[in-house]
C-alpha atoms as a PDB file:
ATOM      1  CA  UNK A   1     -20.740   2.261  -3.467  1.00  0.00           C
ATOM      2  CA  UNK A   2     -17.734   1.927  -5.717  1.00  0.00           C
ATOM      3  CA  UNK A   3     -15.544   1.089  -2.822  1.00  0.00           C
ATOM      4  CA  UNK A   4     -17.846  -1.758  -1.828  1.00  0.00           C
ATOM      5  CA  UNK A   5     -17.883  -3.227  -5.018  1.00  0.00           C
ATOM      6  CA  UNK A   6     -14.085  -3.427  -5.139  1.00  0.00           C
ATOM      7  CA  UNK A   7     -13.824  -5.124  -1.644  1.00  0.00           C
ATOM      8  CA  UNK A   8     -16.567  -7.802  -2.202  1.00  0.00           C
ATOM      9  CA  UNK A   9     -15.572 -11.480  -1.512  1.00  0.00           C
ATOM     10  CA  UNK A  10     -15.358 -13.701  -4.430  1.00  0.00           C
ATOM     11  CA  UNK A  11     -13.360 -11.226  -6.405  1.00  0.00           C
ATOM     12  CA  UNK A  12     -10.063 -12.498  -7.426  1.00  0.00           C
ATOM     13  CA  UNK A  13      -7.052 -10.036  -7.542  1.00  0.00           C
ATOM     14  CA  UNK A  14      -4.374 -10.848 -10.012  1.00  0.00           C
ATOM     15  CA  UNK A  15      -1.134 -11.663  -8.362  1.00  0.00           C
ATOM     16  CA  UNK A  16       1.865  -9.431  -8.260  1.00  0.00           C
ATOM     17  CA  UNK A  17       4.673 -10.321 -10.669  1.00  0.00           C
ATOM     18  CA  UNK A  18       8.123 -10.807  -8.710  1.00  0.00           C
ATOM     19  CA  UNK A  19      10.036 -10.465 -12.017  1.00  0.00           C
ATOM     20  CA  UNK A  20       9.283  -8.676 -15.378  1.00  0.00           C
ATOM     21  CA  UNK A  21       8.000 -10.937 -18.201  1.00  0.00           C
ATOM     22  CA  UNK A  22      10.476 -12.332 -20.684  1.00  0.00           C
ATOM     23  CA  UNK A  23       8.483 -10.750 -23.599  1.00  0.00           C
ATOM     24  CA  UNK A  24       7.288  -7.258 -23.645  1.00  0.00           C
ATOM     25  CA  UNK A  25       4.603  -6.735 -26.064  1.00  0.00           C
ATOM     26  CA  UNK A  26       3.955  -3.506 -28.010  1.00  0.00           C
ATOM     27  CA  UNK A  27       1.204  -2.600 -25.706  1.00  0.00           C
ATOM     28  CA  UNK A  28       3.365  -3.420 -22.696  1.00  0.00           C
ATOM     29  CA  UNK A  29       6.166  -1.282 -24.088  1.00  0.00           C
ATOM     30  CA  UNK A  30       3.641   1.612 -24.608  1.00  0.00           C
ATOM     31  CA  UNK A  31       2.282   1.451 -21.227  1.00  0.00           C
ATOM     32  CA  UNK A  32       5.838   1.302 -19.865  1.00  0.00           C
ATOM     33  CA  UNK A  33       6.850   4.105 -21.832  1.00  0.00           C
ATOM     34  CA  UNK A  34       3.844   6.240 -20.474  1.00  0.00           C
ATOM     35  CA  UNK A  35       4.811   5.178 -16.770  1.00  0.00           C
ATOM     36  CA  UNK A  36       8.149   6.772 -17.389  1.00  0.00           C
ATOM     37  CA  UNK A  37       6.769   9.763 -18.662  1.00  0.00           C
ATOM     38  CA  UNK A  38       4.472   9.959 -15.721  1.00  0.00           C
ATOM     39  CA  UNK A  39       7.224   9.172 -13.188  1.00  0.00           C
ATOM     40  CA  UNK A  40       9.772  11.825 -14.549  1.00  0.00           C
ATOM     41  CA  UNK A  41       6.900  14.492 -14.716  1.00  0.00           C
ATOM     42  CA  UNK A  42       5.973  13.739 -11.147  1.00  0.00           C
ATOM     43  CA  UNK A  43       9.582  13.802 -10.112  1.00  0.00           C
ATOM     44  CA  UNK A  44      10.262  17.180 -11.908  1.00  0.00           C
ATOM     45  CA  UNK A  45       7.138  18.846 -10.185  1.00  0.00           C
ATOM     46  CA  UNK A  46       7.673  17.448  -6.814  1.00  0.00           C
ATOM     47  CA  UNK A  47      11.269  19.082  -7.028  1.00  0.00           C
ATOM     48  CA  UNK A  48       9.933  22.467  -8.420  1.00  0.00           C
ATOM     49  CA  UNK A  49       7.340  22.701  -5.734  1.00  0.00           C
ATOM     50  CA  UNK A  50       9.896  21.761  -3.076  1.00  0.00           C
ATOM     51  CA  UNK A  51      12.008  24.513  -4.249  1.00  0.00           C
ATOM     52  CA  UNK A  52       9.085  26.996  -4.116  1.00  0.00           C
ATOM     53  CA  UNK A  53       7.824  25.849  -0.702  1.00  0.00           C
ATOM     54  CA  UNK A  54       8.691  27.775   2.565  1.00  0.00           C
ATOM     55  CA  UNK A  55       7.482  25.112   5.101  1.00  0.00           C
ATOM     56  CA  UNK A  56      10.160  22.731   5.888  1.00  0.00           C
ATOM     57  CA  UNK A  57       7.894  19.757   6.532  1.00  0.00           C
ATOM     58  CA  UNK A  58       5.943  20.293   3.345  1.00  0.00           C
ATOM     59  CA  UNK A  59       9.353  20.689   1.457  1.00  0.00           C
ATOM     60  CA  UNK A  60      10.720  17.572   3.174  1.00  0.00           C
ATOM     61  CA  UNK A  61       7.426  15.806   2.074  1.00  0.00           C
ATOM     62  CA  UNK A  62       7.797  17.032  -1.561  1.00  0.00           C
ATOM     63  CA  UNK A  63      11.361  16.109  -1.822  1.00  0.00           C
ATOM     64  CA  UNK A  64      10.582  12.352  -0.745  1.00  0.00           C
ATOM     65  CA  UNK A  65       7.797  12.257  -3.114  1.00  0.00           C
ATOM     66  CA  UNK A  66      10.072  13.172  -5.880  1.00  0.00           C
ATOM     67  CA  UNK A  67      12.675  10.699  -4.868  1.00  0.00           C
ATOM     68  CA  UNK A  68      10.149   7.967  -4.648  1.00  0.00           C
ATOM     69  CA  UNK A  69       9.083   8.812  -8.313  1.00  0.00           C
ATOM     70  CA  UNK A  70      12.797   8.852  -9.472  1.00  0.00           C
ATOM     71  CA  UNK A  71      13.323   5.570  -8.011  1.00  0.00           C
ATOM     72  CA  UNK A  72      10.218   4.176  -9.748  1.00  0.00           C
ATOM     73  CA  UNK A  73      11.642   5.900 -13.124  1.00  0.00           C
ATOM     74  CA  UNK A  74      14.987   4.421 -12.627  1.00  0.00           C
ATOM     75  CA  UNK A  75      13.704   0.939 -11.712  1.00  0.00           C
ATOM     76  CA  UNK A  76      11.570   0.793 -14.895  1.00  0.00           C
ATOM     77  CA  UNK A  77      14.519   2.194 -16.920  1.00  0.00           C
ATOM     78  CA  UNK A  78      16.703  -0.763 -15.349  1.00  0.00           C
ATOM     79  CA  UNK A  79      14.202  -3.418 -16.288  1.00  0.00           C
ATOM     80  CA  UNK A  80      14.012  -2.070 -20.042  1.00  0.00           C
ATOM     81  CA  UNK A  81      17.683  -1.887 -20.408  1.00  0.00           C
ATOM     82  CA  UNK A  82      18.422  -5.303 -18.900  1.00  0.00           C
ATOM     83  CA  UNK A  83      15.622  -6.535 -21.314  1.00  0.00           C
ATOM     84  CA  UNK A  84      17.267  -4.850 -24.092  1.00  0.00           C
ATOM     85  CA  UNK A  85      20.815  -6.523 -23.137  1.00  0.00           C
ATOM     86  CA  UNK A  86      19.293  -9.794 -22.706  1.00  0.00           C
ATOM     87  CA  UNK A  87      17.614  -9.575 -26.229  1.00  0.00           C
ATOM     88  CA  UNK A  88      21.008  -8.503 -27.652  1.00  0.00           C
ATOM     89  CA  UNK A  89      22.771 -11.587 -26.211  1.00  0.00           C
ATOM     90  CA  UNK A  90      20.183 -13.911 -27.561  1.00  0.00           C
ATOM     91  CA  UNK A  91      20.499 -12.555 -31.140  1.00  0.00           C
END
């Protein structure tokens, strides 16, 4: 029933942002920090389990999962560093 509620017509989904916002609030920063932590942990866990795995297909899937989380981590970090650099230039 929960899935039915999510897919009802008339509900509007928020559009996906193509670029990060110009201003990051304290709440946004805390959430981004959490996302960095989650992605780093997921990267480490996927790598650890891939090293413990004997099944080559599962090992490959775990490595791909870890690489995806690492890319997400690096993209978030890049946006934060870019934001810090642009704020430094504005001051």
